[in-house]
């Protein structure tokens, strides 16, 4: 229904009569609104009902120097290990951080949907010496080898605005960051992945959790 305006306004003064149909029209306008026609545009901005972030997917992972080659776009195995696309690294139990996005499932009348990725990242006593960029990737296809327990998603380009770079995080550090709000992608299948600028330093261990969130603004 959207926002409404009061049909009639009454004033004091000699000769000013209150007309019953007009009074009823004012009240009927409110009754019509609250009886099943309230929408997001009728609510105060910042009320938290629609504009607060809510999680729709999460992935946790770690990276070390084993396997040594992780440069490029990686998807995250259920073991928590980043696996570079197109390289089948051993037997993998499955893929984590997947989400089926359909805009109609989250749409709010009169509002624009926005997403963000929020990440917390921990580093052990050896700095990795690389940049780690969690991002949201479309799943463009899946390949596998003769080994029945191997699978490898092929990733498309990261969704615009979905990447947040942790550049050379320090040893023994706790890091956190989030992207700015970005426009949700087209309906489809996506996963939370990470791009690594190189192989981590020997004995380095980085652990992180990334959450994909959505809100209406």
Protein backbone atom coordinates (compact mmCIF):
# COMPACT_ATOMS: atom_id res chain seq x y z
CA UNK A 1 0.00 0.00 0.00
CA UNK A 2 2.90 2.35 0.69
CA UNK A 3 2.66 5.59 2.63
CA UNK A 4 -0.71 7.30 3.11
CA UNK A 5 -1.94 10.87 3.59
CA UNK A 6 -4.80 12.07 5.75
CA UNK A 7 -7.79 12.83 3.46
CA UNK A 8 -9.33 15.60 5.57
CA UNK A 9 -8.05 18.17 8.09
CA UNK A 10 -10.44 20.02 10.39
CA UNK A 11 -10.03 23.49 11.89
CA UNK A 12 -11.53 25.40 14.80
CA UNK A 13 -13.77 28.38 14.25
CA UNK A 14 -17.34 29.55 14.08
CA UNK A 15 -19.23 27.81 11.33
CA UNK A 16 -16.69 25.02 10.87
CA UNK A 17 -18.64 21.79 11.12
CA UNK A 18 -17.22 18.33 11.52
CA UNK A 19 -18.58 16.12 8.78
CA UNK A 20 -19.06 12.49 9.81
CA UNK A 21 -18.14 10.96 6.42
CA UNK A 22 -14.92 12.92 6.39
CA UNK A 23 -14.03 11.81 9.93
CA UNK A 24 -14.76 8.24 8.97
CA UNK A 25 -12.60 8.60 5.85
CA UNK A 26 -9.64 9.69 8.03
CA UNK A 27 -10.04 6.70 10.34
CA UNK A 28 -10.75 4.26 7.51
CA UNK A 29 -7.46 5.27 5.90
CA UNK A 30 -5.58 4.23 9.04
CA UNK A 31 -7.60 1.04 9.53
CA UNK A 32 -6.95 0.02 5.94
CA UNK A 33 -3.24 0.57 6.43
CA UNK A 34 -2.76 -1.35 9.67
CA UNK A 35 -5.10 -4.22 8.78
CA UNK A 36 -2.78 -6.13 6.51
CA UNK A 37 -1.30 -3.33 4.41
CA UNK A 38 1.71 -2.16 6.42
CA UNK A 39 4.92 -2.27 4.41
CA UNK A 40 8.57 -1.50 5.05
CA UNK A 41 8.08 2.07 3.79
CA UNK A 42 5.63 2.69 6.65
CA UNK A 43 8.25 1.84 9.26
CA UNK A 44 10.97 4.04 10.67
CA UNK A 45 14.40 3.68 9.08
CA UNK A 46 16.83 2.03 11.45
CA UNK A 47 14.14 0.10 13.31
CA UNK A 48 16.12 -3.09 12.74
CA UNK A 49 13.24 -5.06 11.24
CA UNK A 50 14.60 -4.98 7.69
CA UNK A 51 17.80 -2.92 7.63
CA UNK A 52 19.77 -5.06 10.08
CA UNK A 53 22.18 -7.61 8.60
CA UNK A 54 21.24 -11.27 8.71
CA UNK A 55 23.46 -14.21 7.81
CA UNK A 56 22.55 -16.35 4.83
CA UNK A 57 25.80 -18.36 4.47
CA UNK A 58 29.05 -19.00 6.34
CA UNK A 59 32.36 -20.71 5.67
CA UNK A 60 35.38 -21.38 7.89
CA UNK A 61 38.82 -22.29 6.62
CA UNK A 62 42.52 -22.39 7.34
CA UNK A 63 45.53 -22.08 5.09
CA UNK A 64 49.14 -23.13 5.53
CA UNK A 65 52.12 -24.05 3.36
CA UNK A 66 50.68 -27.54 2.81
CA UNK A 67 49.62 -27.82 0.05
CA UNK A 68 52.15 -25.27 -1.08
CA UNK A 69 50.33 -24.07 -4.22
CA UNK A 70 47.14 -22.17 -3.49
CA UNK A 71 47.73 -19.07 -5.60
CA UNK A 72 44.55 -17.84 -7.26
CA UNK A 73 40.87 -18.42 -6.59
CA UNK A 74 40.13 -21.16 -4.08
CA UNK A 75 36.95 -22.83 -2.95
CA UNK A 76 36.69 -24.19 0.58
CA UNK A 77 36.53 -27.90 1.35
CA UNK A 78 34.50 -29.19 4.28
CA UNK A 79 37.87 -30.01 5.83
CA UNK A 80 38.46 -26.25 5.98
CA UNK A 81 41.26 -26.32 3.44
CA UNK A 82 41.27 -23.92 0.45
CA UNK A 83 41.41 -25.83 -2.82
CA UNK A 84 42.41 -24.03 -5.99
CA UNK A 85 39.90 -24.48 -8.80
CA UNK A 86 40.84 -26.91 -11.57
CA UNK A 87 43.36 -28.68 -9.31
CA UNK A 88 42.06 -31.78 -7.55
CA UNK A 89 44.03 -32.00 -4.34
CA UNK A 90 43.34 -35.39 -2.82
CA UNK A 91 40.06 -36.79 -1.62
CA UNK A 92 37.65 -34.04 -0.61
CA UNK A 93 34.54 -34.72 1.44
CA UNK A 94 32.57 -31.82 0.03
CA UNK A 95 32.28 -28.11 -0.60
CA UNK A 96 31.27 -25.59 2.06
CA UNK A 97 29.99 -22.04 1.97
CA UNK A 98 27.49 -22.68 -0.84
CA UNK A 99 24.31 -20.64 -1.17
CA UNK A 100 21.45 -20.67 -3.66
CA UNK A 101 20.52 -17.02 -4.12
CA UNK A 102 17.06 -16.11 -5.38
CA UNK A 103 16.24 -12.43 -5.07
CA UNK A 104 12.53 -13.06 -4.61
CA UNK A 105 13.25 -14.99 -1.40
CA UNK A 106 14.63 -11.86 0.27
CA UNK A 107 12.76 -9.02 -1.44
CA UNK A 108 11.15 -6.31 0.73
CA UNK A 109 8.58 -4.05 -0.91
CA UNK A 110 9.89 -0.49 -1.22
CA UNK A 111 13.42 -1.46 -0.17
CA UNK A 112 16.67 -2.23 -1.98
CA UNK A 113 18.53 -5.38 -1.00
CA UNK A 114 22.25 -5.16 -0.20
CA UNK A 115 24.87 -7.76 0.74
CA UNK A 116 28.20 -7.73 2.51
CA UNK A 117 30.92 -10.21 3.48
CA UNK A 118 32.25 -10.04 7.03
CA UNK A 119 35.42 -11.89 8.04
CA UNK A 120 37.49 -12.52 11.16
CA UNK A 121 41.00 -13.85 10.56
CA UNK A 122 43.62 -15.21 12.99
CA UNK A 123 47.33 -15.68 12.35
CA UNK A 124 49.82 -17.85 14.26
CA UNK A 125 53.39 -16.88 15.12
CA UNK A 126 54.49 -16.85 11.47
CA UNK A 127 53.04 -14.19 9.21
CA UNK A 128 51.83 -15.66 5.90
CA UNK A 129 53.43 -12.93 3.80
CA UNK A 130 50.58 -12.94 1.29
CA UNK A 131 47.22 -11.24 0.70
CA UNK A 132 44.06 -13.21 1.40
CA UNK A 133 40.82 -11.96 -0.16
CA UNK A 134 37.57 -13.71 0.81
CA UNK A 135 34.86 -13.11 -1.79
CA UNK A 136 31.63 -14.47 -3.23
CA UNK A 137 32.00 -16.52 -6.41
CA UNK A 138 29.45 -18.02 -8.81
CA UNK A 139 29.71 -21.75 -9.43
CA UNK A 140 30.00 -21.96 -13.20
CA UNK A 141 30.47 -25.73 -13.49
CA UNK A 142 31.76 -28.82 -11.72
CA UNK A 143 34.41 -31.29 -12.85
CA UNK A 144 35.68 -34.54 -11.38
CA UNK A 145 38.18 -37.28 -12.06
CA UNK A 146 37.84 -41.03 -12.12
CA UNK A 147 38.25 -40.98 -8.36
CA UNK A 148 34.65 -41.07 -7.13
CA UNK A 149 35.32 -38.95 -4.05
CA UNK A 150 36.85 -36.01 -5.89
CA UNK A 151 34.99 -32.94 -7.03
CA UNK A 152 36.11 -29.53 -8.24
CA UNK A 153 33.86 -26.50 -8.72
CA UNK A 154 34.91 -24.07 -11.43
CA UNK A 155 34.50 -20.50 -10.20
CA UNK A 156 33.38 -17.52 -12.19
CA UNK A 157 34.62 -14.00 -11.52
CA UNK A 158 34.04 -12.76 -7.98
CA UNK A 159 30.82 -10.81 -7.52
CA UNK A 160 31.58 -7.09 -7.83
CA UNK A 161 32.26 -5.50 -4.46
CA UNK A 162 32.27 -8.81 -2.56
CA UNK A 163 36.01 -9.07 -1.91
CA UNK A 164 37.82 -7.80 1.19
CA UNK A 165 41.64 -8.00 1.15
CA UNK A 166 43.76 -8.86 4.19
CA UNK A 167 47.18 -7.69 2.98
CA UNK A 168 50.11 -9.39 4.77
CA UNK A 169 48.44 -9.83 8.17
CA UNK A 170 50.94 -9.76 11.01
CA UNK A 171 52.11 -12.69 13.12
CA UNK A 172 50.02 -13.44 16.23
CA UNK A 173 47.30 -11.09 15.04
CA UNK A 174 43.53 -10.94 15.22
CA UNK A 175 42.06 -9.30 12.13
CA UNK A 176 38.52 -8.41 11.15
CA UNK A 177 36.98 -6.63 8.23
CA UNK A 178 33.92 -6.36 6.05
CA UNK A 179 33.10 -5.22 2.57
CA UNK A 180 30.90 -2.23 1.94
CA UNK A 181 27.34 -3.01 0.92
CA UNK A 182 27.27 -4.43 -2.59
CA UNK A 183 24.46 -5.20 -5.01
CA UNK A 184 23.32 -8.82 -4.84
CA UNK A 185 24.16 -10.86 -7.93
CA UNK A 186 21.73 -12.45 -10.35
CA UNK A 187 19.82 -15.48 -9.15
CA UNK A 188 22.06 -18.52 -9.15
CA UNK A 189 24.48 -20.75 -7.26
CA UNK A 190 27.35 -19.18 -5.37
CA UNK A 191 29.96 -20.00 -2.77
CA UNK A 192 32.25 -18.18 -0.37
CA UNK A 193 35.82 -18.60 -1.53
CA UNK A 194 39.19 -16.91 -1.17
CA UNK A 195 41.87 -15.59 -3.50
CA UNK A 196 45.46 -16.05 -2.33
CA UNK A 197 48.21 -13.91 -3.81
CA UNK A 198 50.79 -16.66 -3.26
CA UNK A 199 51.76 -19.58 -1.08
CA UNK A 200 51.90 -18.86 2.68
CA UNK A 201 55.26 -18.86 4.43
CA UNK A 202 56.48 -22.12 5.89
CA UNK A 203 55.03 -22.80 9.40
CA UNK A 204 52.41 -20.08 8.92
CA UNK A 205 48.82 -20.91 9.78
CA UNK A 206 45.88 -18.60 9.08
CA UNK A 207 42.36 -19.40 10.23
CA UNK A 208 39.25 -17.45 9.34
CA UNK A 209 35.47 -17.42 9.22
CA UNK A 210 33.51 -15.47 6.62
CA UNK A 211 29.78 -14.72 6.74
CA UNK A 212 27.61 -13.63 3.84
CA UNK A 213 24.94 -11.19 5.04
CA UNK A 214 21.95 -9.42 3.52
CA UNK A 215 19.74 -6.48 4.50
CA UNK A 216 17.13 -4.13 3.04
CA UNK A 217 17.81 -0.40 2.83
